[in-house]
Amino acid sequence: MAWTRFGKKKDMPGGLWIKCESCGAMLFRKEFEQRHRVCGTCGYHFTLPARERIALTIDPGTFEEKWADLRAHDVLGFTDMGSRGAVPYGEKLQQTKQKTGESDAIVTGTGKVKGIAAAIGVMNFQFLGGSMGMVVGEKIALLCEHGLHNRLPVVLFACSGGARMHEGAVSLMQMAKTCGALQRLNAAGVPTISVMTHPTTGGVTASFASVCDLLLAEPGALIGFAGPRVIATTIKKELPKGFQRSEFLLEKGQIDRIVPRSALRDELGRVLAYATGGDAVAAFKPQPAAAEPVAVAASDVADDGKAKKKGKAKKA
């Protein structure tokens, strides 16, 4: 135990503070979680785990997960030569499943956003960098088929480092597979929405994340195929300021709109109402930021039903 001139120094519990990756400010973790992992100093949007994203976006008690039993397997007998030595892909999958509690890098299912039913897919960066392999591609394809059969709009949240190279060409095939599934929805007139969060890169950017009907993005999200350092090294030129960030892409017409995390649920409710022929004004009811951590706040959100108004009797 450390000593000071006034006696023993009290031990401070670890994990109380977190440093912002953008501005370097020290953030009190409890307040940081209450703001849904957004820096209160510069507004930087940290990566949000899939389950927290679902709790923040979907109406409480309406999410039904689908295809959670799908599991990836090592079809190539691949061995990952990382900093910790050689690790077989199958073993790495098992370790990641135990660490995250997820079966793969995406959670799919159905739920309601501001009372409007939709098919939802949320990528999880904590699972091998949100990489897209055979399970991610299959889940997205099944989600699109479900949306097509039930005429449900499909909302996909991208957060990925790209295709999962542990699966070689099998992972690259998922790019065509997911694009083909979304094309069938487009031909049938079923709306699709892509929400690109930080980071959205590689084969995910080059496939389903960029081919939906509406492309939304969170502020400051890194969106691109190859990383900016790789591009700068290849072309041997200095890149423009803010290159591959969502603000830069909005200016160039690559995405349609930037929506802060705190307003995303309201915006999705309004867009889905427009897309499904619902009442967009009734769906868009801005709600104040939650005062509790995401997992708790999501269960405390009130239902967005129409309030009954008491009419006053008119005098004759």
C-alpha atoms as a PDB file:
ATOM      1  CA  MET A   1       0.000   0.000   0.000  1.00  0.00           C
ATOM      2  CA  ALA A   2       1.313   3.451  -0.934  1.00  0.00           C
ATOM      3  CA  TRP A   3       2.158   6.006   1.779  1.00  0.00           C
ATOM      4  CA  THR A   4       1.693   9.771   1.845  1.00  0.00           C
ATOM      5  CA  ARG A   5       2.836  12.441   4.324  1.00  0.00           C
ATOM      6  CA  PHE A   6      -0.535  12.124   6.056  1.00  0.00           C
ATOM      7  CA  GLY A   7      -0.450   8.346   6.373  1.00  0.00           C
ATOM      8  CA  LYS A   8      -1.638   5.463   4.233  1.00  0.00           C
ATOM      9  CA  LYS A   9      -3.095   6.194   0.824  1.00  0.00           C
ATOM     10  CA  LYS A  10      -6.477   4.592   0.208  1.00  0.00           C
ATOM     11  CA  ASP A  11      -6.611   2.085  -2.632  1.00  0.00           C
ATOM     12  CA  MET A  12      -8.715   3.270  -5.562  1.00  0.00           C
ATOM     13  CA  PRO A  13     -10.727   0.625  -7.424  1.00  0.00           C
ATOM     14  CA  GLY A  14      -9.565   0.058 -10.994  1.00  0.00           C
ATOM     15  CA  GLY A  15     -11.705   0.594 -14.050  1.00  0.00           C
ATOM     16  CA  LEU A  16     -13.386   3.777 -12.815  1.00  0.00           C
ATOM     17  CA  TRP A  17     -12.003   5.912 -15.627  1.00  0.00           C
ATOM     18  CA  ILE A  18     -11.525   5.472 -19.352  1.00  0.00           C
ATOM     19  CA  LYS A  19      -9.453   7.558 -21.750  1.00  0.00           C
ATOM     20  CA  CYS A  20     -11.102   8.922 -24.905  1.00  0.00           C
ATOM     21  CA  GLU A  21      -9.464   7.508 -28.019  1.00  0.00           C
ATOM     22  CA  SER A  22     -10.024  10.790 -29.872  1.00  0.00           C
ATOM     23  CA  CYS A  23      -9.376  13.752 -27.550  1.00  0.00           C
ATOM     24  CA  GLY A  24      -7.572  11.984 -24.696  1.00  0.00           C
ATOM     25  CA  ALA A  25      -9.997  13.219 -22.025  1.00  0.00           C
ATOM     26  CA  MET A  26     -10.457  11.075 -18.924  1.00  0.00           C
ATOM     27  CA  LEU A  27     -14.075   9.922 -18.688  1.00  0.00           C
ATOM     28  CA  PHE A  28     -15.817   8.647 -15.569  1.00  0.00           C
ATOM     29  CA  ARG A  29     -16.944   5.170 -16.612  1.00  0.00           C
ATOM     30  CA  LYS A  30     -20.436   5.374 -15.085  1.00  0.00           C
ATOM     31  CA  GLU A  31     -21.224   8.614 -16.911  1.00  0.00           C
ATOM     32  CA  PHE A  32     -19.588   7.196 -20.035  1.00  0.00           C
ATOM     33  CA  GLU A  33     -21.936   4.198 -19.975  1.00  0.00           C
ATOM     34  CA  GLN A  34     -24.939   6.441 -19.286  1.00  0.00           C
ATOM     35  CA  ARG A  35     -24.087   8.357 -22.451  1.00  0.00           C
ATOM     36  CA  HIS A  36     -24.091   5.047 -24.366  1.00  0.00           C
ATOM     37  CA  ARG A  37     -20.300   5.023 -24.772  1.00  0.00           C
ATOM     38  CA  VAL A  38     -20.053   8.520 -26.274  1.00  0.00           C
ATOM     39  CA  CYS A  39     -17.345  10.942 -25.095  1.00  0.00           C
ATOM     40  CA  GLY A  40     -18.885  13.861 -23.221  1.00  0.00           C
ATOM     41  CA  THR A  41     -15.984  16.138 -24.224  1.00  0.00           C
ATOM     42  CA  CYS A  42     -15.603  15.671 -27.996  1.00  0.00           C
ATOM     43  CA  GLY A  43     -18.603  13.493 -28.894  1.00  0.00           C
ATOM     44  CA  TYR A  44     -16.478  10.579 -30.105  1.00  0.00           C
ATOM     45  CA  HIS A  45     -18.599   7.446 -30.578  1.00  0.00           C
ATOM     46  CA  PHE A  46     -16.905   4.343 -29.155  1.00  0.00           C
ATOM     47  CA  THR A  47     -17.701   0.875 -30.461  1.00  0.00           C
ATOM     48  CA  LEU A  48     -20.914  -0.422 -28.903  1.00  0.00           C
ATOM     49  CA  PRO A  49     -21.364  -4.170 -28.195  1.00  0.00           C
ATOM     50  CA  ALA A  50     -24.177  -5.841 -30.140  1.00  0.00           C
ATOM     51  CA  ARG A  51     -26.415  -6.569 -27.142  1.00  0.00           C
ATOM     52  CA  GLU A  52     -26.147  -2.984 -25.907  1.00  0.00           C
ATOM     53  CA  ARG A  53     -26.951  -1.744 -29.408  1.00  0.00           C
ATOM     54  CA  ILE A  54     -30.075  -3.893 -29.481  1.00  0.00           C
ATOM     55  CA  ALA A  55     -31.166  -2.683 -26.027  1.00  0.00           C
ATOM     56  CA  LEU A  56     -30.670   0.920 -27.130  1.00  0.00           C
ATOM     57  CA  THR A  57     -32.486   0.568 -30.471  1.00  0.00           C
ATOM     58  CA  ILE A  58     -35.238  -2.030 -30.127  1.00  0.00           C
ATOM     59  CA  ASP A  59     -38.431  -1.531 -28.101  1.00  0.00           C
ATOM     60  CA  PRO A  60     -38.131  -3.347 -24.745  1.00  0.00           C
ATOM     61  CA  GLY A  61     -39.420  -6.905 -24.761  1.00  0.00           C
ATOM     62  CA  THR A  62     -39.889  -7.107 -28.539  1.00  0.00           C
ATOM     63  CA  PHE A  63     -36.587  -8.580 -29.733  1.00  0.00           C
ATOM     64  CA  GLU A  64     -36.651 -12.249 -30.694  1.00  0.00           C
ATOM     65  CA  GLU A  65     -33.260 -13.675 -31.635  1.00  0.00           C
ATOM     66  CA  LYS A  66     -33.069 -16.056 -34.596  1.00  0.00           C
ATOM     67  CA  TRP A  67     -30.464 -18.559 -35.803  1.00  0.00           C
ATOM     68  CA  ALA A  68     -28.403 -18.281 -32.624  1.00  0.00           C
ATOM     69  CA  ASP A  69     -27.434 -21.953 -32.986  1.00  0.00           C
ATOM     70  CA  LEU A  70     -25.370 -21.427 -36.171  1.00  0.00           C
ATOM     71  CA  ARG A  71     -21.672 -22.117 -35.567  1.00  0.00           C
ATOM     72  CA  ALA A  72     -18.591 -21.576 -37.701  1.00  0.00           C
ATOM     73  CA  HIS A  73     -16.083 -24.396 -38.149  1.00  0.00           C
ATOM     74  CA  ASP A  74     -12.546 -24.639 -39.435  1.00  0.00           C
ATOM     75  CA  VAL A  75     -13.033 -25.878 -42.997  1.00  0.00           C
ATOM     76  CA  LEU A  76      -9.457 -25.079 -44.046  1.00  0.00           C
ATOM     77  CA  GLY A  77      -7.541 -26.353 -41.027  1.00  0.00           C
ATOM     78  CA  PHE A  78      -6.202 -22.808 -40.634  1.00  0.00           C
ATOM     79  CA  THR A  79      -3.589 -21.901 -38.025  1.00  0.00           C
ATOM     80  CA  ASP A  80      -3.358 -18.294 -36.878  1.00  0.00           C
ATOM     81  CA  MET A  81       0.263 -17.162 -36.501  1.00  0.00           C
ATOM     82  CA  GLY A  82      -0.281 -14.311 -34.031  1.00  0.00           C
ATOM     83  CA  SER A  83       1.747 -12.629 -31.318  1.00  0.00           C
ATOM     84  CA  ARG A  84       0.921 -15.483 -28.945  1.00  0.00           C
ATOM     85  CA  GLY A  85       2.202 -18.117 -31.304  1.00  0.00           C
ATOM     86  CA  ALA A  86       0.395 -20.589 -33.527  1.00  0.00           C
ATOM     87  CA  VAL A  87      -3.284 -21.000 -32.614  1.00  0.00           C
ATOM     88  CA  PRO A  88      -5.639 -23.211 -34.687  1.00  0.00           C
ATOM     89  CA  TYR A  89      -8.698 -21.320 -35.951  1.00  0.00           C
ATOM     90  CA  GLY A  90     -11.056 -23.803 -34.288  1.00  0.00           C
ATOM     91  CA  GLU A  91      -9.394 -23.180 -30.928  1.00  0.00           C
ATOM     92  CA  LYS A  92      -9.504 -19.428 -31.426  1.00  0.00           C
ATOM     93  CA  LEU A  93     -13.229 -19.634 -32.199  1.00  0.00           C
ATOM     94  CA  GLN A  94     -13.847 -21.544 -28.986  1.00  0.00           C
ATOM     95  CA  GLN A  95     -11.849 -19.052 -26.917  1.00  0.00           C
ATOM     96  CA  THR A  96     -13.714 -16.102 -28.442  1.00  0.00           C
ATOM     97  CA  LYS A  97     -17.103 -17.726 -27.807  1.00  0.00           C
ATOM     98  CA  GLN A  98     -16.225 -18.237 -24.152  1.00  0.00           C
ATOM     99  CA  LYS A  99     -14.915 -14.683 -23.811  1.00  0.00           C
ATOM    100  CA  THR A 100     -17.847 -12.898 -25.495  1.00  0.00           C
ATOM    101  CA  GLY A 101     -20.703 -15.287 -24.846  1.00  0.00           C
ATOM    102  CA  GLU A 102     -21.707 -15.007 -28.520  1.00  0.00           C
ATOM    103  CA  SER A 103     -21.774 -17.703 -31.204  1.00  0.00           C
ATOM    104  CA  ASP A 104     -20.363 -15.411 -33.903  1.00  0.00           C
ATOM    105  CA  ALA A 105     -19.881 -11.796 -34.984  1.00  0.00           C
ATOM    106  CA  ILE A 106     -23.535 -10.913 -35.608  1.00  0.00           C
ATOM    107  CA  VAL A 107     -26.798 -11.077 -33.672  1.00  0.00           C
ATOM    108  CA  THR A 108     -29.942 -11.363 -35.802  1.00  0.00           C
ATOM    109  CA  GLY A 109     -33.634 -11.414 -35.065  1.00  0.00           C
ATOM    110  CA  THR A 110     -36.883  -9.467 -35.236  1.00  0.00           C
ATOM    111  CA  GLY A 111     -38.176  -6.649 -33.092  1.00  0.00           C
ATOM    112  CA  LYS A 112     -39.935  -3.310 -33.110  1.00  0.00           C
ATOM    113  CA  VAL A 113     -38.452   0.151 -33.450  1.00  0.00           C
ATOM    114  CA  LYS A 114     -40.866   2.775 -32.110  1.00  0.00           C
ATOM    115  CA  GLY A 115     -43.657   0.248 -32.594  1.00  0.00           C
ATOM    116  CA  ILE A 116     -42.709  -0.707 -36.179  1.00  0.00           C
ATOM    117  CA  ALA A 117     -41.741  -4.343 -36.803  1.00  0.00           C
ATOM    118  CA  ALA A 118     -38.419  -4.972 -38.546  1.00  0.00           C
ATOM    119  CA  ALA A 119     -35.765  -7.635 -39.117  1.00  0.00           C
ATOM    120  CA  ILE A 120     -32.555  -6.622 -37.354  1.00  0.00           C
ATOM    121  CA  GLY A 121     -28.909  -7.647 -37.741  1.00  0.00           C
ATOM    122  CA  VAL A 122     -26.228  -6.161 -35.463  1.00  0.00           C
ATOM    123  CA  MET A 123     -22.531  -6.916 -35.876  1.00  0.00           C
ATOM    124  CA  ASN A 124     -20.350  -7.394 -32.800  1.00  0.00           C
ATOM    125  CA  PHE A 125     -16.796  -6.029 -33.036  1.00  0.00           C
ATOM    126  CA  GLN A 126     -15.819  -7.884 -29.860  1.00  0.00           C
ATOM    127  CA  PHE A 127     -16.011 -11.184 -31.769  1.00  0.00           C
ATOM    128  CA  LEU A 128     -12.828 -11.392 -33.858  1.00  0.00           C
ATOM    129  CA  GLY A 129     -13.085  -7.771 -34.912  1.00  0.00           C
ATOM    130  CA  GLY A 130     -16.621  -8.212 -36.254  1.00  0.00           C
ATOM    131  CA  SER A 131     -15.165 -10.139 -39.183  1.00  0.00           C
ATOM    132  CA  MET A 132     -17.586 -11.603 -41.735  1.00  0.00           C
ATOM    133  CA  GLY A 133     -17.312 -15.353 -42.176  1.00  0.00           C
ATOM    134  CA  MET A 134     -19.671 -18.134 -43.179  1.00  0.00           C
ATOM    135  CA  VAL A 135     -22.002 -17.648 -40.204  1.00  0.00           C
ATOM    136  CA  VAL A 136     -22.317 -13.878 -40.625  1.00  0.00           C
ATOM    137  CA  GLY A 137     -23.102 -14.270 -44.331  1.00  0.00           C
ATOM    138  CA  GLU A 138     -25.609 -17.052 -43.683  1.00  0.00           C
ATOM    139  CA  LYS A 139     -27.378 -15.129 -40.926  1.00  0.00           C
ATOM    140  CA  ILE A 140     -27.733 -12.030 -43.097  1.00  0.00           C
ATOM    141  CA  ALA A 141     -29.056 -14.128 -45.997  1.00  0.00           C
ATOM    142  CA  LEU A 142     -31.580 -15.856 -43.697  1.00  0.00           C
ATOM    143  CA  LEU A 143     -32.587 -12.494 -42.225  1.00  0.00           C
ATOM    144  CA  CYS A 144     -33.234 -11.119 -45.720  1.00  0.00           C
ATOM    145  CA  GLU A 145     -35.281 -14.195 -46.654  1.00  0.00           C
ATOM    146  CA  HIS A 146     -37.319 -13.784 -43.480  1.00  0.00           C
ATOM    147  CA  GLY A 147     -37.866 -10.109 -44.257  1.00  0.00           C
ATOM    148  CA  LEU A 148     -38.898 -10.955 -47.813  1.00  0.00           C
ATOM    149  CA  HIS A 149     -41.348 -13.662 -46.739  1.00  0.00           C
ATOM    150  CA  ASN A 150     -42.940 -11.500 -44.034  1.00  0.00           C
ATOM    151  CA  ARG A 151     -42.591  -8.130 -45.803  1.00  0.00           C
ATOM    152  CA  LEU A 152     -40.469  -6.770 -42.957  1.00  0.00           C
ATOM    153  CA  PRO A 153     -37.949  -3.952 -43.514  1.00  0.00           C
ATOM    154  CA  VAL A 154     -34.374  -5.053 -42.831  1.00  0.00           C
ATOM    155  CA  VAL A 155     -32.004  -2.948 -40.699  1.00  0.00           C
ATOM    156  CA  LEU A 156     -28.304  -3.920 -40.620  1.00  0.00           C
ATOM    157  CA  PHE A 157     -25.748  -2.401 -38.231  1.00  0.00           C
ATOM    158  CA  ALA A 158     -22.212  -2.764 -39.572  1.00  0.00           C
ATOM    159  CA  CYS A 159     -19.186  -2.749 -37.271  1.00  0.00           C
ATOM    160  CA  SER A 160     -16.398  -4.810 -38.770  1.00  0.00           C
ATOM    161  CA  GLY A 161     -12.789  -5.110 -39.780  1.00  0.00           C
ATOM    162  CA  GLY A 162     -13.833  -6.898 -42.988  1.00  0.00           C
ATOM    163  CA  ALA A 163     -13.897 -10.480 -44.249  1.00  0.00           C
ATOM    164  CA  ARG A 164     -12.589 -13.227 -41.947  1.00  0.00           C
ATOM    165  CA  MET A 165      -9.402 -14.404 -43.579  1.00  0.00           C
ATOM    166  CA  HIS A 166      -9.291 -17.503 -41.357  1.00  0.00           C
ATOM    167  CA  GLU A 167     -11.900 -18.925 -43.731  1.00  0.00           C
ATOM    168  CA  GLY A 168     -10.186 -17.851 -46.955  1.00  0.00           C
ATOM    169  CA  ALA A 169     -12.346 -17.817 -50.096  1.00  0.00           C
ATOM    170  CA  VAL A 170     -15.349 -19.016 -48.063  1.00  0.00           C
ATOM    171  CA  SER A 171     -15.488 -15.658 -46.292  1.00  0.00           C
ATOM    172  CA  LEU A 172     -15.096 -13.734 -49.567  1.00  0.00           C
ATOM    173  CA  MET A 173     -18.080 -15.613 -51.003  1.00  0.00           C
ATOM    174  CA  GLN A 174     -20.256 -14.007 -48.334  1.00  0.00           C
ATOM    175  CA  MET A 175     -19.876 -10.645 -50.070  1.00  0.00           C
ATOM    176  CA  ALA A 176     -21.760 -11.871 -53.141  1.00  0.00           C
ATOM    177  CA  LYS A 177     -24.155 -13.893 -51.005  1.00  0.00           C
ATOM    178  CA  THR A 178     -25.285 -10.952 -48.874  1.00  0.00           C
ATOM    179  CA  CYS A 179     -25.540  -8.596 -51.854  1.00  0.00           C
ATOM    180  CA  GLY A 180     -27.674 -11.138 -53.702  1.00  0.00           C
ATOM    181  CA  ALA A 181     -30.007 -11.484 -50.718  1.00  0.00           C
ATOM    182  CA  LEU A 182     -30.445  -7.715 -50.499  1.00  0.00           C
ATOM    183  CA  GLN A 183     -31.067  -7.513 -54.251  1.00  0.00           C
ATOM    184  CA  ARG A 184     -34.055  -9.852 -53.874  1.00  0.00           C
ATOM    185  CA  LEU A 185     -35.482  -7.535 -51.240  1.00  0.00           C
ATOM    186  CA  ASN A 186     -34.941  -4.549 -53.512  1.00  0.00           C
ATOM    187  CA  ALA A 187     -36.707  -6.265 -56.418  1.00  0.00           C
ATOM    188  CA  ALA A 188     -39.669  -7.079 -54.157  1.00  0.00           C
ATOM    189  CA  GLY A 189     -39.907  -3.519 -52.836  1.00  0.00           C
ATOM    190  CA  VAL A 190     -38.953  -4.398 -49.247  1.00  0.00           C
ATOM    191  CA  PRO A 191     -36.962  -1.501 -47.724  1.00  0.00           C
ATOM    192  CA  THR A 192     -33.440  -2.027 -46.360  1.00  0.00           C
ATOM    193  CA  ILE A 193     -31.391   0.286 -44.118  1.00  0.00           C
ATOM    194  CA  SER A 194     -27.673   0.125 -43.390  1.00  0.00           C
ATOM    195  CA  VAL A 195     -26.236   1.834 -40.303  1.00  0.00           C
ATOM    196  CA  MET A 196     -22.457   2.085 -40.511  1.00  0.00           C
ATOM    197  CA  THR A 197     -20.677   2.498 -37.180  1.00  0.00           C
ATOM    198  CA  HIS A 198     -17.025   2.773 -36.204  1.00  0.00           C
ATOM    199  CA  PRO A 199     -15.294   0.949 -37.795  1.00  0.00           C
ATOM    200  CA  THR A 200     -16.858  -0.347 -41.021  1.00  0.00           C
ATOM    201  CA  THR A 201     -14.083  -1.561 -43.310  1.00  0.00           C
ATOM    202  CA  GLY A 202     -12.960  -4.230 -45.751  1.00  0.00           C
ATOM    203  CA  GLY A 203     -15.348  -6.689 -47.352  1.00  0.00           C
ATOM    204  CA  VAL A 204     -18.281  -5.538 -45.227  1.00  0.00           C
ATOM    205  CA  THR A 205     -18.026  -2.015 -46.650  1.00  0.00           C
ATOM    206  CA  ALA A 206     -17.612  -3.492 -50.137  1.00  0.00           C
ATOM    207  CA  SER A 207     -20.770  -5.607 -49.803  1.00  0.00           C
ATOM    208  CA  PHE A 208     -23.993  -5.424 -47.806  1.00  0.00           C
ATOM    209  CA  ALA A 209     -23.163  -2.272 -45.802  1.00  0.00           C
ATOM    210  CA  SER A 210     -23.083  -0.140 -48.963  1.00  0.00           C
ATOM    211  CA  VAL A 211     -25.924  -1.576 -51.060  1.00  0.00           C
ATOM    212  CA  CYS A 212     -28.996  -0.969 -48.884  1.00  0.00           C
ATOM    213  CA  ASP A 213     -31.691   1.539 -49.856  1.00  0.00           C
ATOM    214  CA  LEU A 214     -30.676   4.019 -47.156  1.00  0.00           C
ATOM    215  CA  LEU A 215     -27.153   4.453 -45.773  1.00  0.00           C
ATOM    216  CA  LEU A 216     -26.855   6.013 -42.320  1.00  0.00           C
ATOM    217  CA  ALA A 217     -23.692   6.476 -40.269  1.00  0.00           C
ATOM    218  CA  GLU A 218     -22.682   7.542 -36.795  1.00  0.00           C
ATOM    219  CA  PRO A 219     -20.511  10.657 -36.373  1.00  0.00           C
ATOM    220  CA  GLY A 220     -16.786  10.145 -36.892  1.00  0.00           C
ATOM    221  CA  ALA A 221     -17.114   6.535 -38.022  1.00  0.00           C
ATOM    222  CA  LEU A 222     -14.221   5.118 -40.067  1.00  0.00           C
ATOM    223  CA  ILE A 223     -15.769   3.760 -43.270  1.00  0.00           C
ATOM    224  CA  GLY A 224     -13.730   2.401 -46.144  1.00  0.00           C
ATOM    225  CA  PHE A 225     -12.181  -0.638 -47.810  1.00  0.00           C
ATOM    226  CA  ALA A 226      -8.454  -0.391 -47.119  1.00  0.00           C
ATOM    227  CA  GLY A 227      -7.263   1.655 -44.150  1.00  0.00           C
ATOM    228  CA  PRO A 228      -6.021   5.238 -44.637  1.00  0.00           C
ATOM    229  CA  ARG A 229      -2.422   4.323 -43.721  1.00  0.00           C
ATOM    230  CA  VAL A 230      -2.362   1.552 -46.327  1.00  0.00           C
ATOM    231  CA  ILE A 231      -3.743   3.911 -48.975  1.00  0.00           C
ATOM    232  CA  ALA A 232      -1.318   6.711 -48.100  1.00  0.00           C
ATOM    233  CA  THR A 233       1.617   4.298 -48.257  1.00  0.00           C
ATOM    234  CA  THR A 234       0.465   2.859 -51.586  1.00  0.00           C
ATOM    235  CA  ILE A 235      -0.189   6.110 -53.455  1.00  0.00           C
ATOM    236  CA  LYS A 236       2.600   7.978 -51.596  1.00  0.00           C
ATOM    237  CA  LYS A 237       0.434  11.057 -51.117  1.00  0.00           C
ATOM    238  CA  GLU A 238      -0.987  12.876 -48.128  1.00  0.00           C
ATOM    239  CA  LEU A 239      -4.674  12.126 -47.706  1.00  0.00           C
ATOM    240  CA  PRO A 240      -7.325  14.858 -47.219  1.00  0.00           C
ATOM    241  CA  LYS A 241      -8.261  15.788 -43.664  1.00  0.00           C
ATOM    242  CA  GLY A 242     -10.968  13.509 -42.280  1.00  0.00           C
ATOM    243  CA  PHE A 243     -10.479  11.008 -45.106  1.00  0.00           C
ATOM    244  CA  GLN A 244     -12.776   7.951 -44.784  1.00  0.00           C
ATOM    245  CA  ARG A 245     -14.675   9.448 -41.873  1.00  0.00           C
ATOM    246  CA  SER A 246     -18.473   9.633 -42.097  1.00  0.00           C
ATOM    247  CA  GLU A 247     -18.464  13.435 -42.443  1.00  0.00           C
ATOM    248  CA  PHE A 248     -16.090  13.221 -45.420  1.00  0.00           C
ATOM    249  CA  LEU A 249     -18.205  10.504 -47.048  1.00  0.00           C
ATOM    250  CA  LEU A 250     -21.413  12.494 -46.542  1.00  0.00           C
ATOM    251  CA  GLU A 251     -19.832  15.443 -48.326  1.00  0.00           C
ATOM    252  CA  LYS A 252     -18.824  13.170 -51.234  1.00  0.00           C
ATOM    253  CA  GLY A 253     -22.238  11.504 -51.459  1.00  0.00           C
ATOM    254  CA  GLN A 254     -21.187   8.038 -50.246  1.00  0.00           C
ATOM    255  CA  ILE A 255     -23.710   7.994 -47.387  1.00  0.00           C
ATOM    256  CA  ASP A 256     -27.123   9.606 -46.991  1.00  0.00           C
ATOM    257  CA  ARG A 257     -27.143  10.902 -43.433  1.00  0.00           C
ATOM    258  CA  ILE A 258     -25.159  11.122 -40.207  1.00  0.00           C
ATOM    259  CA  VAL A 259     -27.181  10.420 -37.070  1.00  0.00           C
ATOM    260  CA  PRO A 260     -25.814  10.687 -33.503  1.00  0.00           C
ATOM    261  CA  ARG A 261     -26.267   7.588 -31.369  1.00  0.00           C
ATOM    262  CA  SER A 262     -28.652   9.342 -28.981  1.00  0.00           C
ATOM    263  CA  ALA A 263     -31.030  10.186 -31.853  1.00  0.00           C
ATOM    264  CA  LEU A 264     -30.661   6.993 -33.888  1.00  0.00           C
ATOM    265  CA  ARG A 265     -33.686   5.152 -32.514  1.00  0.00           C
ATOM    266  CA  ASP A 266     -35.958   8.141 -33.178  1.00  0.00           C
ATOM    267  CA  GLU A 267     -34.548   8.553 -36.689  1.00  0.00           C
ATOM    268  CA  LEU A 268     -34.968   4.858 -37.498  1.00  0.00           C
ATOM    269  CA  GLY A 269     -38.558   4.997 -36.248  1.00  0.00           C
ATOM    270  CA  ARG A 270     -39.315   7.924 -38.550  1.00  0.00           C
ATOM    271  CA  VAL A 271     -37.635   6.355 -41.584  1.00  0.00           C
ATOM    272  CA  LEU A 272     -39.285   2.977 -41.031  1.00  0.00           C
ATOM    273  CA  ALA A 273     -42.672   4.688 -40.736  1.00  0.00           C
ATOM    274  CA  TYR A 274     -42.109   6.394 -44.084  1.00  0.00           C
ATOM    275  CA  ALA A 275     -40.929   3.129 -45.656  1.00  0.00           C
ATOM    276  CA  THR A 276     -43.858   1.063 -44.408  1.00  0.00           C
ATOM    277  CA  GLY A 277     -46.608   3.627 -44.944  1.00  0.00           C
ATOM    278  CA  GLY A 278     -47.009   4.366 -41.237  1.00  0.00           C
ATOM    279  CA  ASP A 279     -47.473   7.652 -39.417  1.00  0.00           C
ATOM    280  CA  ALA A 280     -44.009   9.188 -39.462  1.00  0.00           C
ATOM    281  CA  VAL A 281     -45.036  12.063 -37.190  1.00  0.00           C
ATOM    282  CA  ALA A 282     -46.344   9.674 -34.531  1.00  0.00           C
ATOM    283  CA  ALA A 283     -43.277   7.448 -34.841  1.00  0.00           C
ATOM    284  CA  PHE A 284     -40.841  10.327 -34.428  1.00  0.00           C
ATOM    285  CA  LYS A 285     -41.149  11.170 -30.740  1.00  0.00           C
ATOM    286  CA  PRO A 286     -37.719  12.298 -29.546  1.00  0.00           C
ATOM    287  CA  GLN A 287     -36.847  10.920 -26.128  1.00  0.00           C
ATOM    288  CA  PRO A 288     -34.308  12.330 -23.660  1.00  0.00           C
ATOM    289  CA  ALA A 289     -31.035  10.494 -23.132  1.00  0.00           C
ATOM    290  CA  ALA A 290     -31.289   7.744 -20.555  1.00  0.00           C
ATOM    291  CA  ALA A 291     -29.996   8.463 -17.058  1.00  0.00           C
ATOM    292  CA  GLU A 292     -28.935   4.852 -16.427  1.00  0.00           C
ATOM    293  CA  PRO A 293     -26.517   2.463 -18.175  1.00  0.00           C
ATOM    294  CA  VAL A 294     -27.739   1.106 -21.497  1.00  0.00           C
ATOM    295  CA  ALA A 295     -28.684  -2.380 -20.329  1.00  0.00           C
ATOM    296  CA  VAL A 296     -30.808  -0.941 -17.502  1.00  0.00           C
ATOM    297  CA  ALA A 297     -32.189   2.055 -19.358  1.00  0.00           C
ATOM    298  CA  ALA A 298     -33.411  -0.041 -22.257  1.00  0.00           C
ATOM    299  CA  SER A 299     -35.705  -2.024 -19.977  1.00  0.00           C
ATOM    300  CA  ASP A 300     -37.105   1.150 -18.449  1.00  0.00           C
ATOM    301  CA  VAL A 301     -38.122   2.843 -21.704  1.00  0.00           C
ATOM    302  CA  ALA A 302     -41.866   3.358 -21.835  1.00  0.00           C
ATOM    303  CA  ASP A 303     -43.943   1.911 -24.664  1.00  0.00           C
ATOM    304  CA  ASP A 304     -44.596   4.370 -27.469  1.00  0.00           C
ATOM    305  CA  GLY A 305     -48.317   3.814 -27.751  1.00  0.00           C
ATOM    306  CA  LYS A 306     -50.633   6.663 -28.562  1.00  0.00           C
ATOM    307  CA  ALA A 307     -51.797   8.504 -25.443  1.00  0.00           C
ATOM    308  CA  LYS A 308     -55.481   8.842 -24.991  1.00  0.00           C
ATOM    309  CA  LYS A 309     -56.599  12.453 -24.908  1.00  0.00           C
ATOM    310  CA  LYS A 310     -59.523  13.506 -22.846  1.00  0.00           C
ATOM    311  CA  GLY A 311     -61.815  15.763 -24.817  1.00  0.00           C
ATOM    312  CA  LYS A 312     -63.648  18.626 -23.236  1.00  0.00           C
ATOM    313  CA  ALA A 313     -67.399  18.916 -23.747  1.00  0.00           C
ATOM    314  CA  LYS A 314     -68.401  21.885 -25.840  1.00  0.00           C
ATOM    315  CA  LYS A 315     -71.055  24.234 -24.596  1.00  0.00           C
ATOM    316  CA  ALA A 316     -74.176  24.431 -26.699  1.00  0.00           C
END
